[in-house]
Amino acid sequence: MKKVLASIAAVSVIGVPAVDSVHASPNDTAAAGAVQNDNQKLETTAGNYIVKADALRVRTGPSTSQPIIGMVTHGEKVQVLEETQGWYKISYNNQEAYVSKDYIAFTPTGGTFTVNASALNVRTGPATNYSTIGSVKNGQTLQVIGEINGWYKISYNTEVGYVNKAYVTSTVATPTPTPPPVVQTDGQYVVEASSLRIRTGPATNYPVIGGVVKGHILQVKAIEAGWYKVVHNGQTGYVSGDYVAFVKNEVVSTPQVYTVQASSLYVRSGAGTQFGAIGSVTSGKQVEVVGESGDWFQIKFNGGVGYISKAYVVKGDAESVKPAQPATSLISLAKSLVGTPYAWAGSTPTGFDCSGFISYVYTKSGISMPRTSVEGYWNSLSKTSSPSVGDLIYFKDTYKPGPSHMGILIGDGYFIHASSSKGVTITHISNSYYSTHFLGYSKAM
């Protein structure tokens, strides 16, 4: 019986005519429908990709919680099989693995190829179970427009078809010289990657001398082989041009004068608290703002540039930001109430909550401020990014989501408010708790 079955199997294979070349025979045991559905999914993602990151971890599954089994580096090509949950399944060391899709880019196969089989079937899809729509002969040239799982996608008689890549070879053409990219070296560039290494030379094999994070502003001096030459902490370094963008609208063309309101304000080497302090400026000091990045101003400082938080400066010189007389008397009244206990819904000197304190102080100072909630004030009053003494400061997500606490700015980076733990008290804006819950400012007068 086994011999009979073997004979039948042999006849079945030998009796099938050539399908994908005169020398090739199909041997596909998967269900046709399953193969077709799988290949339809692959068509949008499968193919050759190139790694964009300096180094990219390869994992056993589509999650950062999965074990790491290797690493691929910048410029390395990987074969993608499919996409799942923001990850690409790849072929890695003869096994299936996963990499984050954010750090690799598709490199489509294309160009002119020549048939090297005596006859080669053209199919409707990238597998032997797809129907034949024609054939091409030895020496015939094909226009390849993509690659999927060992098959080339081609233009065929105004249609799209697929041929087995084993039976075609690339026709190498002399490439047209590409003019070198133009870099605007007279402007600033902003880092777009979450973090970016700075190296001693224009390639990934050069040592790392530092790093910058998203939003950091760089002054580009030149371009070399796709790398930007920059100055970082007094040293010349290089960053990949793939992760920076020319700053247009965010650059302040003419320096503008701002006045420091904090008693002492750090000047940092970059736009964020993770950058080291290179000095400080004190209350009333005028600074020239030459650029901005997120919540930070870039200023002229000691013959170079530095960064300060926008929250602690106001636009204008020291004279223009002096509090008006009504604000002065309002602040005096507010300070006279320091030590008043906290009382939920309280709005009298026997006890205040934060919004009740605001309403009382402004009303007693001759400014109409009907009692409402913190959220009510935040939604109804005019927002400002250049607050003055007497304006309101808001905080969010303290005891409930959204706007939930407020106070009055009194100068030098301080505000006065009714705290649930201390009653009416004075606090600096840089306080570790309140700085993490900061929401914004509004005008009140």
Protein backbone atom coordinates (compact mmCIF):
# COMPACT_ATOMS: atom_id res chain seq x y z
CA MET A 1 0.00 0.00 0.00
CA LYS A 2 2.86 2.41 0.87
CA LYS A 3 4.44 1.71 -2.52
CA VAL A 4 1.14 2.51 -4.28
CA LEU A 5 0.80 5.82 -2.41
CA ALA A 6 4.41 6.70 -3.16
CA SER A 7 3.85 5.99 -6.84
CA ILE A 8 0.73 8.16 -6.89
CA ALA A 9 2.61 10.99 -5.14
CA ALA A 10 5.48 10.75 -7.60
CA VAL A 11 3.14 10.86 -10.59
CA SER A 12 1.31 13.85 -9.07
CA VAL A 13 4.52 15.90 -8.83
CA ILE A 14 6.04 14.82 -12.12
CA GLY A 15 2.77 15.29 -13.96
CA VAL A 16 2.40 18.95 -12.99
CA PRO A 17 3.62 21.28 -15.78
CA ALA A 18 6.25 23.96 -15.06
CA VAL A 19 4.67 26.84 -13.17
CA ASP A 20 7.24 29.45 -12.15
CA SER A 21 10.01 28.45 -14.54
CA VAL A 22 10.66 25.58 -16.88
CA HIS A 23 12.93 24.12 -14.21
CA ALA A 24 10.71 24.77 -11.16
CA SER A 25 7.82 22.72 -9.79
CA PRO A 26 5.33 23.84 -7.13
CA ASN A 27 5.30 22.09 -3.80
CA ASP A 28 2.84 24.13 -1.77
CA THR A 29 0.87 22.17 0.82
CA ALA A 30 -0.80 25.14 2.61
CA ALA A 31 -4.47 25.87 2.02
CA ALA A 32 -4.79 28.28 -0.87
CA GLY A 33 -7.18 30.59 0.94
CA ALA A 34 -4.96 30.89 4.01
CA VAL A 35 -1.89 31.66 1.90
CA GLN A 36 -3.73 34.27 -0.10
CA ASN A 37 -5.05 36.12 2.96
CA ASP A 38 -1.61 36.09 4.57
CA ASN A 39 0.09 37.46 1.48
CA GLN A 40 -2.51 40.19 1.08
CA LYS A 41 -1.62 41.36 4.59
CA LEU A 42 2.10 41.18 3.86
CA GLU A 43 1.88 43.27 0.72
CA THR A 44 1.59 46.52 2.66
CA THR A 45 4.55 45.89 4.96
CA ALA A 46 6.80 43.04 3.89
CA GLY A 47 10.12 43.69 2.20
CA ASN A 48 13.55 45.12 2.85
CA TYR A 49 13.85 47.84 5.50
CA ILE A 50 16.82 49.83 6.74
CA VAL A 51 17.58 50.69 10.39
CA LYS A 52 17.42 54.44 11.19
CA ALA A 53 18.50 54.35 14.85
CA ASP A 54 22.13 54.15 16.02
CA ALA A 55 21.27 50.80 17.58
CA LEU A 56 17.95 48.95 17.74
CA ARG A 57 17.10 46.04 20.05
CA VAL A 58 15.71 42.83 18.56
CA ARG A 59 13.16 41.09 20.80
CA THR A 60 11.34 37.77 20.92
CA GLY A 61 7.90 39.44 20.85
CA PRO A 62 6.15 42.73 19.98
CA SER A 63 6.69 44.51 23.32
CA THR A 64 9.50 46.11 25.31
CA SER A 65 8.75 43.57 28.05
CA GLN A 66 9.91 40.73 25.78
CA PRO A 67 13.51 39.41 26.07
CA ILE A 68 16.26 40.95 23.91
CA ILE A 69 17.97 38.48 21.59
CA GLY A 70 20.21 40.82 19.63
CA MET A 71 20.82 44.22 18.10
CA VAL A 72 20.81 45.80 14.63
CA THR A 73 22.67 49.03 13.87
CA HIS A 74 22.23 52.15 11.76
CA GLY A 75 22.09 51.41 8.03
CA GLU A 76 21.68 47.65 8.46
CA LYS A 77 19.03 46.01 6.27
CA VAL A 78 16.35 43.75 7.74
CA GLN A 79 13.72 41.56 6.09
CA VAL A 80 10.26 42.45 7.42
CA LEU A 81 7.62 39.72 7.39
CA GLU A 82 4.60 41.57 8.79
CA GLU A 83 3.43 44.32 11.15
CA THR A 84 1.73 43.81 14.51
CA GLN A 85 0.86 46.30 17.27
CA GLY A 86 3.40 48.91 16.15
CA TRP A 87 6.18 46.32 15.77
CA TYR A 88 7.64 44.61 12.72
CA LYS A 89 8.16 40.85 12.66
CA ILE A 90 11.53 40.25 10.99
CA SER A 91 13.75 37.39 9.96
CA TYR A 92 16.76 37.48 12.29
CA ASN A 93 19.48 34.81 12.38
CA ASN A 94 17.10 32.26 10.83
CA GLN A 95 14.37 32.92 13.38
CA GLU A 96 11.39 35.25 13.73
CA ALA A 97 11.92 38.30 15.93
CA TYR A 98 10.52 41.80 16.47
CA VAL A 99 11.76 45.41 16.26
CA SER A 100 9.94 48.71 16.88
CA LYS A 101 8.57 50.05 13.58
CA ASP A 102 9.44 53.65 14.58
CA TYR A 103 13.13 53.15 13.91
CA ILE A 104 13.28 51.45 10.51
CA ALA A 105 12.24 52.65 7.05
CA PHE A 106 11.09 50.78 3.96
CA THR A 107 13.60 50.57 1.10
CA PRO A 108 11.56 49.54 -1.93
CA THR A 109 13.14 47.26 -4.51
CA GLY A 110 12.92 48.77 -7.95
CA GLY A 111 14.53 49.11 -11.36
CA THR A 112 15.02 46.97 -14.43
CA PHE A 113 15.53 43.20 -14.13
CA THR A 114 16.18 40.50 -16.77
CA VAL A 115 14.55 37.06 -16.97
CA ASN A 116 17.11 34.24 -16.83
CA ALA A 117 14.72 31.26 -17.22
CA SER A 118 13.50 29.96 -20.59
CA ALA A 119 9.94 30.80 -19.53
CA LEU A 120 8.61 32.34 -16.33
CA ASN A 121 4.97 32.55 -15.23
CA VAL A 122 3.48 35.90 -14.15
CA ARG A 123 0.91 35.50 -11.37
CA THR A 124 -1.78 37.65 -9.73
CA GLY A 125 -0.16 37.32 -6.29
CA PRO A 126 3.13 36.44 -4.57
CA ALA A 127 2.70 32.65 -4.30
CA THR A 128 2.30 29.60 -6.53
CA ASN A 129 -1.36 29.21 -5.61
CA TYR A 130 -2.25 32.47 -7.38
CA SER A 131 -3.55 32.22 -10.94
CA THR A 132 -1.29 32.79 -13.98
CA ILE A 133 -1.96 35.89 -16.09
CA GLY A 134 0.85 35.35 -18.60
CA SER A 135 4.55 34.55 -18.95
CA VAL A 136 7.86 36.19 -19.85
CA LYS A 137 10.81 34.70 -21.76
CA ASN A 138 14.55 34.42 -21.25
CA GLY A 139 16.30 37.77 -21.76
CA GLN A 140 13.10 39.81 -21.46
CA THR A 141 13.41 42.91 -19.26
CA LEU A 142 10.97 43.59 -16.42
CA GLN A 143 10.18 46.71 -14.44
CA VAL A 144 10.25 45.70 -10.77
CA ILE A 145 8.25 47.92 -8.40
CA GLY A 146 8.45 45.94 -5.16
CA GLU A 147 9.46 42.76 -3.37
CA ILE A 148 7.35 40.45 -1.19
CA ASN A 149 8.56 37.20 0.40
CA GLY A 150 10.81 36.03 -2.42
CA TRP A 151 8.64 37.42 -5.21
CA TYR A 152 9.05 40.54 -7.33
CA LYS A 153 6.06 42.79 -7.98
CA ILE A 154 6.24 43.94 -11.63
CA SER A 155 4.42 46.06 -14.18
CA TYR A 156 2.94 43.66 -16.72
CA ASN A 157 0.70 44.63 -19.69
CA THR A 158 -0.70 47.68 -17.81
CA GLU A 159 -1.38 45.40 -14.82
CA VAL A 160 0.50 44.40 -11.71
CA GLY A 161 1.91 40.87 -11.58
CA TYR A 162 4.33 38.75 -9.57
CA VAL A 163 7.30 36.60 -10.61
CA ASN A 164 9.59 34.33 -8.60
CA LYS A 165 12.73 36.40 -7.84
CA ALA A 166 14.98 33.34 -8.22
CA TYR A 167 14.66 33.54 -12.01
CA VAL A 168 15.41 37.21 -12.67
CA THR A 169 18.58 39.25 -12.23
CA SER A 170 19.11 42.96 -11.76
CA THR A 171 20.16 45.03 -14.75
CA VAL A 172 22.64 47.45 -13.22
CA ALA A 173 22.38 50.95 -14.63
CA THR A 174 24.82 53.79 -14.15
CA PRO A 175 23.27 55.90 -11.41
CA THR A 176 22.59 59.56 -12.02
CA PRO A 177 24.79 61.62 -9.69
CA THR A 178 22.76 63.12 -6.88
CA PRO A 179 23.65 66.69 -5.98
CA PRO A 180 24.72 67.08 -2.36
CA PRO A 181 21.94 68.22 -0.04
CA VAL A 182 21.82 71.88 0.85
CA VAL A 183 22.01 72.72 4.52
CA GLN A 184 21.04 76.11 5.88
CA THR A 185 24.06 76.77 8.06
CA ASP A 186 22.92 80.27 8.95
CA GLY A 187 20.02 79.05 11.07
CA GLN A 188 19.12 76.88 14.00
CA TYR A 189 17.93 73.29 14.01
CA VAL A 190 15.67 71.59 16.53
CA VAL A 191 16.12 67.98 17.65
CA GLU A 192 13.11 65.82 16.68
CA ALA A 193 14.19 62.48 18.20
CA SER A 194 13.50 61.72 21.86
CA SER A 195 17.28 61.58 22.35
CA LEU A 196 20.17 62.03 19.94
CA ARG A 197 23.85 61.16 20.35
CA ILE A 198 26.60 63.64 19.49
CA ARG A 199 29.74 61.99 18.07
CA THR A 200 33.28 63.09 17.31
CA GLY A 201 32.87 62.34 13.59
CA PRO A 202 30.21 61.92 10.89
CA ALA A 203 29.44 58.20 11.35
CA THR A 204 28.13 55.79 13.99
CA ASN A 205 31.57 54.27 14.57
CA TYR A 206 32.89 57.52 16.09
CA PRO A 207 32.88 57.89 19.90
CA VAL A 208 29.92 59.54 21.62
CA ILE A 209 30.78 62.82 23.37
CA GLY A 210 27.33 63.81 24.57
CA GLY A 211 23.64 63.84 23.83
CA VAL A 212 20.68 66.15 23.35
CA VAL A 213 16.96 65.56 23.79
CA LYS A 214 13.85 66.45 21.82
CA GLY A 215 13.35 70.20 21.48
CA HIS A 216 17.02 71.09 21.96
CA ILE A 217 18.24 73.82 19.60
CA LEU A 218 21.48 73.24 17.66
CA GLN A 219 23.59 75.67 15.62
CA VAL A 220 24.67 73.78 12.49
CA LYS A 221 28.01 74.76 10.96
CA ALA A 222 28.31 72.36 8.01
CA ILE A 223 27.12 69.05 6.57
CA GLU A 224 29.22 65.95 5.93
CA ALA A 225 27.82 62.73 4.46
CA GLY A 226 24.37 63.28 5.95
CA TRP A 227 25.71 64.38 9.33
CA TYR A 228 25.46 67.88 10.76
CA LYS A 229 28.52 69.50 12.29
CA VAL A 230 27.57 71.31 15.51
CA VAL A 231 29.17 72.92 18.53
CA HIS A 232 28.19 71.29 21.83
CA ASN A 233 29.53 72.46 25.20
CA GLY A 234 32.48 74.11 23.47
CA GLN A 235 33.33 71.00 21.42
CA THR A 236 32.79 70.27 17.75
CA GLY A 237 30.57 67.23 17.21
CA TYR A 238 28.27 65.57 14.70
CA VAL A 239 24.62 64.51 14.77
CA SER A 240 22.66 62.50 12.21
CA GLY A 241 20.76 64.80 9.85
CA ASP A 242 17.78 62.41 9.94
CA TYR A 243 16.72 63.57 13.38
CA VAL A 244 16.89 67.38 13.23
CA ALA A 245 14.78 69.95 11.39
CA PHE A 246 15.42 73.55 10.41
CA VAL A 247 13.70 75.97 12.75
CA LYS A 248 11.68 78.62 10.94
CA ASN A 249 8.81 80.22 12.83
CA GLU A 250 10.14 79.54 16.33
CA VAL A 251 13.29 81.62 15.94
CA VAL A 252 13.03 85.14 17.30
CA SER A 253 14.62 87.28 14.57
CA THR A 254 15.15 90.38 16.73
CA PRO A 255 16.25 89.99 20.37
CA GLN A 256 13.46 90.93 22.79
CA VAL A 257 13.96 92.19 26.32
CA TYR A 258 12.46 90.23 29.22
CA THR A 259 12.79 90.85 32.96
CA VAL A 260 13.51 88.13 35.51
CA GLN A 261 10.91 87.78 38.28
CA ALA A 262 12.46 84.97 40.30
CA SER A 263 14.90 85.83 43.08
CA SER A 264 17.45 83.60 41.33
CA LEU A 265 16.97 81.79 38.02
CA TYR A 266 19.28 79.14 36.60
CA VAL A 267 20.66 79.56 33.08
CA ARG A 268 21.12 76.12 31.53
CA SER A 269 23.04 74.69 28.59
CA GLY A 270 19.88 73.30 26.98
CA ALA A 271 16.10 73.59 26.96
CA GLY A 272 15.26 71.45 29.99
CA THR A 273 16.05 70.87 33.65
CA GLN A 274 18.15 67.84 32.70
CA PHE A 275 20.78 70.20 31.27
CA GLY A 276 23.48 71.55 33.54
CA ALA A 277 23.41 75.09 34.94
CA ILE A 278 25.98 77.44 33.40
CA GLY A 279 25.07 80.41 35.58
CA SER A 280 22.13 82.32 37.00
CA VAL A 281 20.29 85.65 36.75
CA THR A 282 18.55 87.47 39.58
CA SER A 283 15.27 89.32 40.07
CA GLY A 284 14.98 92.46 37.96
CA LYS A 285 17.76 91.39 35.59
CA GLN A 286 17.01 92.14 31.93
CA VAL A 287 17.79 89.38 29.43
CA GLU A 288 17.76 89.36 25.63
CA VAL A 289 15.70 86.50 24.23
CA VAL A 290 16.98 85.27 20.84
CA GLY A 291 14.99 82.05 20.44
CA GLU A 292 12.61 79.63 22.11
CA SER A 293 12.09 75.91 22.45
CA GLY A 294 8.93 74.66 24.14
CA ASP A 295 8.70 76.21 27.62
CA TRP A 296 12.23 77.64 27.46
CA PHE A 297 13.76 80.85 26.13
CA GLN A 298 17.20 80.93 24.54
CA ILE A 299 19.02 84.06 25.77
CA LYS A 300 22.31 85.84 25.24
CA PHE A 301 24.54 84.94 28.20
CA ASN A 302 28.22 85.62 28.91
CA GLY A 303 29.16 85.96 25.26
CA GLY A 304 27.24 82.84 24.24
CA VAL A 305 23.74 81.50 24.70
CA GLY A 306 21.85 79.77 27.49
CA TYR A 307 18.32 78.69 28.34
CA ILE A 308 15.89 79.89 31.02
CA SER A 309 12.35 78.83 31.92
CA LYS A 310 9.64 81.07 30.46
CA ALA A 311 7.68 80.81 33.70
CA TYR A 312 9.96 83.19 35.59
CA VAL A 313 10.35 86.12 33.20
CA VAL A 314 7.98 88.76 31.84
CA LYS A 315 8.24 90.74 28.64
CA GLY A 316 9.55 94.28 28.95
CA ASP A 317 12.24 96.10 30.89
CA ALA A 318 12.28 96.51 34.66
CA GLU A 319 10.47 99.85 34.53
CA SER A 320 7.62 98.56 32.37
CA VAL A 321 6.89 95.58 34.61
CA LYS A 322 6.73 97.45 37.91
CA PRO A 323 3.37 96.76 39.59
CA ALA A 324 0.78 99.49 39.33
CA GLN A 325 -0.50 101.07 42.54
CA PRO A 326 -3.73 99.01 42.64
CA ALA A 327 -1.64 95.84 42.43
CA THR A 328 0.64 97.10 45.22
CA SER A 329 -2.27 97.69 47.61
CA LEU A 330 -3.83 94.36 46.62
CA ILE A 331 -0.61 92.52 47.46
CA SER A 332 -0.36 94.35 50.79
CA LEU A 333 -3.88 93.24 51.70
CA ALA A 334 -3.16 89.65 50.65
CA LYS A 335 0.03 89.54 52.73
CA SER A 336 -1.81 90.86 55.78
CA LEU A 337 -3.91 87.69 55.70
CA VAL A 338 -0.96 85.28 55.93
CA GLY A 339 -1.67 82.74 58.67
CA THR A 340 -5.45 82.74 58.20
CA PRO A 341 -6.58 79.10 58.53
CA TYR A 342 -7.91 77.06 55.63
CA ALA A 343 -11.67 76.43 55.51
CA TRP A 344 -13.48 74.54 52.77
CA ALA A 345 -15.69 77.00 50.84
CA GLY A 346 -14.47 79.76 53.17
CA SER A 347 -14.29 83.34 51.87
CA THR A 348 -13.79 85.47 55.01
CA PRO A 349 -10.82 86.20 57.33
CA THR A 350 -12.09 83.48 59.67
CA GLY A 351 -11.08 80.92 57.04
CA PHE A 352 -10.42 80.72 53.27
CA ASP A 353 -10.22 78.13 50.58
CA CYS A 354 -8.10 79.04 47.53
CA SER A 355 -10.84 80.55 45.34
CA GLY A 356 -12.56 82.22 48.31
CA PHE A 357 -9.25 83.92 49.18
CA ILE A 358 -8.94 85.24 45.60
CA SER A 359 -12.50 86.61 45.59
CA TYR A 360 -12.09 88.31 48.98
CA VAL A 361 -8.75 90.01 48.21
CA TYR A 362 -9.80 91.35 44.81
CA THR A 363 -13.24 92.49 45.96
CA LYS A 364 -11.78 94.32 48.98
CA SER A 365 -9.28 95.98 46.61
CA GLY A 366 -12.12 97.42 44.52
CA ILE A 367 -11.91 94.87 41.70
CA SER A 368 -15.04 92.92 40.84
CA MET A 369 -14.29 89.23 41.31
CA PRO A 370 -17.49 87.22 41.92
CA ARG A 371 -16.92 84.00 43.85
CA THR A 372 -16.60 80.88 41.67
CA SER A 373 -14.44 77.77 41.47
CA VAL A 374 -10.82 77.55 40.31
CA GLU A 375 -12.04 75.99 37.08
CA GLY A 376 -14.56 78.81 36.68
CA TYR A 377 -11.84 81.47 36.97
CA TRP A 378 -9.54 79.57 34.61
CA ASN A 379 -12.24 79.25 31.95
CA SER A 380 -13.56 82.81 32.19
CA LEU A 381 -10.47 85.01 32.60
CA SER A 382 -8.02 86.02 29.88
CA LYS A 383 -4.94 83.76 29.73
CA THR A 384 -1.46 85.28 29.52
CA SER A 385 2.05 84.00 28.91
CA SER A 386 3.56 87.24 30.28
CA PRO A 387 2.09 87.57 33.78
CA SER A 388 2.59 90.56 36.05
CA VAL A 389 2.40 91.11 39.80
CA GLY A 390 -1.26 90.80 40.81
CA ASP A 391 -2.12 88.29 38.10
CA LEU A 392 -3.35 84.79 38.89
CA ILE A 393 -1.40 81.54 38.77
CA TYR A 394 -3.16 78.18 38.37
CA PHE A 395 -2.36 74.56 39.16
CA LYS A 396 -3.95 71.33 37.98
CA ASP A 397 -4.49 67.77 39.22
CA THR A 398 -3.86 68.56 42.89
CA TYR A 399 -6.83 67.04 44.70
CA LYS A 400 -8.89 66.42 41.54
CA PRO A 401 -8.29 66.32 37.76
CA GLY A 402 -8.08 69.61 35.87
CA PRO A 403 -7.76 73.17 37.29
CA SER A 404 -7.87 72.71 41.07
CA HIS A 405 -5.76 75.35 42.86
CA MET A 406 -4.78 79.00 42.38
CA GLY A 407 -2.95 81.93 43.88
CA ILE A 408 -1.85 85.55 43.31
CA LEU A 409 1.59 86.47 41.93
CA ILE A 410 3.42 88.82 44.30
CA GLY A 411 6.78 89.17 42.52
CA ASP A 412 10.25 87.60 42.61
CA GLY A 413 8.78 84.24 41.61
CA TYR A 414 6.46 84.00 44.63
CA PHE A 415 2.69 83.62 44.91
CA ILE A 416 0.29 83.87 47.84
CA HIS A 417 -2.53 81.37 48.26
CA ALA A 418 -4.78 79.51 50.68
CA SER A 419 -3.18 76.11 51.18
CA SER A 420 -5.24 73.23 52.57
CA SER A 421 -2.32 72.30 54.85
CA LYS A 422 -0.95 75.73 55.86
CA GLY A 423 -3.77 78.21 55.37
CA VAL A 424 -2.85 81.51 53.70
CA THR A 425 0.86 81.25 52.89
CA ILE A 426 3.53 82.38 50.43
CA THR A 427 5.26 79.85 48.15
CA HIS A 428 7.88 80.04 45.41
CA ILE A 429 6.92 78.94 41.91
CA SER A 430 9.85 76.49 41.85
CA ASN A 431 8.43 74.55 44.82
CA SER A 432 8.85 70.84 44.01
CA TYR A 433 5.13 70.11 44.41
CA TYR A 434 3.60 73.12 42.70
CA SER A 435 6.07 73.23 39.81
CA THR A 436 4.93 69.74 38.75
CA HIS A 437 1.25 70.79 38.83
CA PHE A 438 1.65 74.19 37.13
CA LEU A 439 -1.15 74.99 34.63
CA GLY A 440 -0.81 78.64 33.55
CA TYR A 441 -1.59 82.30 34.23
CA SER A 442 -4.52 84.64 33.69
CA LYS A 443 -5.07 88.38 33.96
CA ALA A 444 -7.40 89.57 36.69
CA MET A 445 -7.34 93.37 36.38
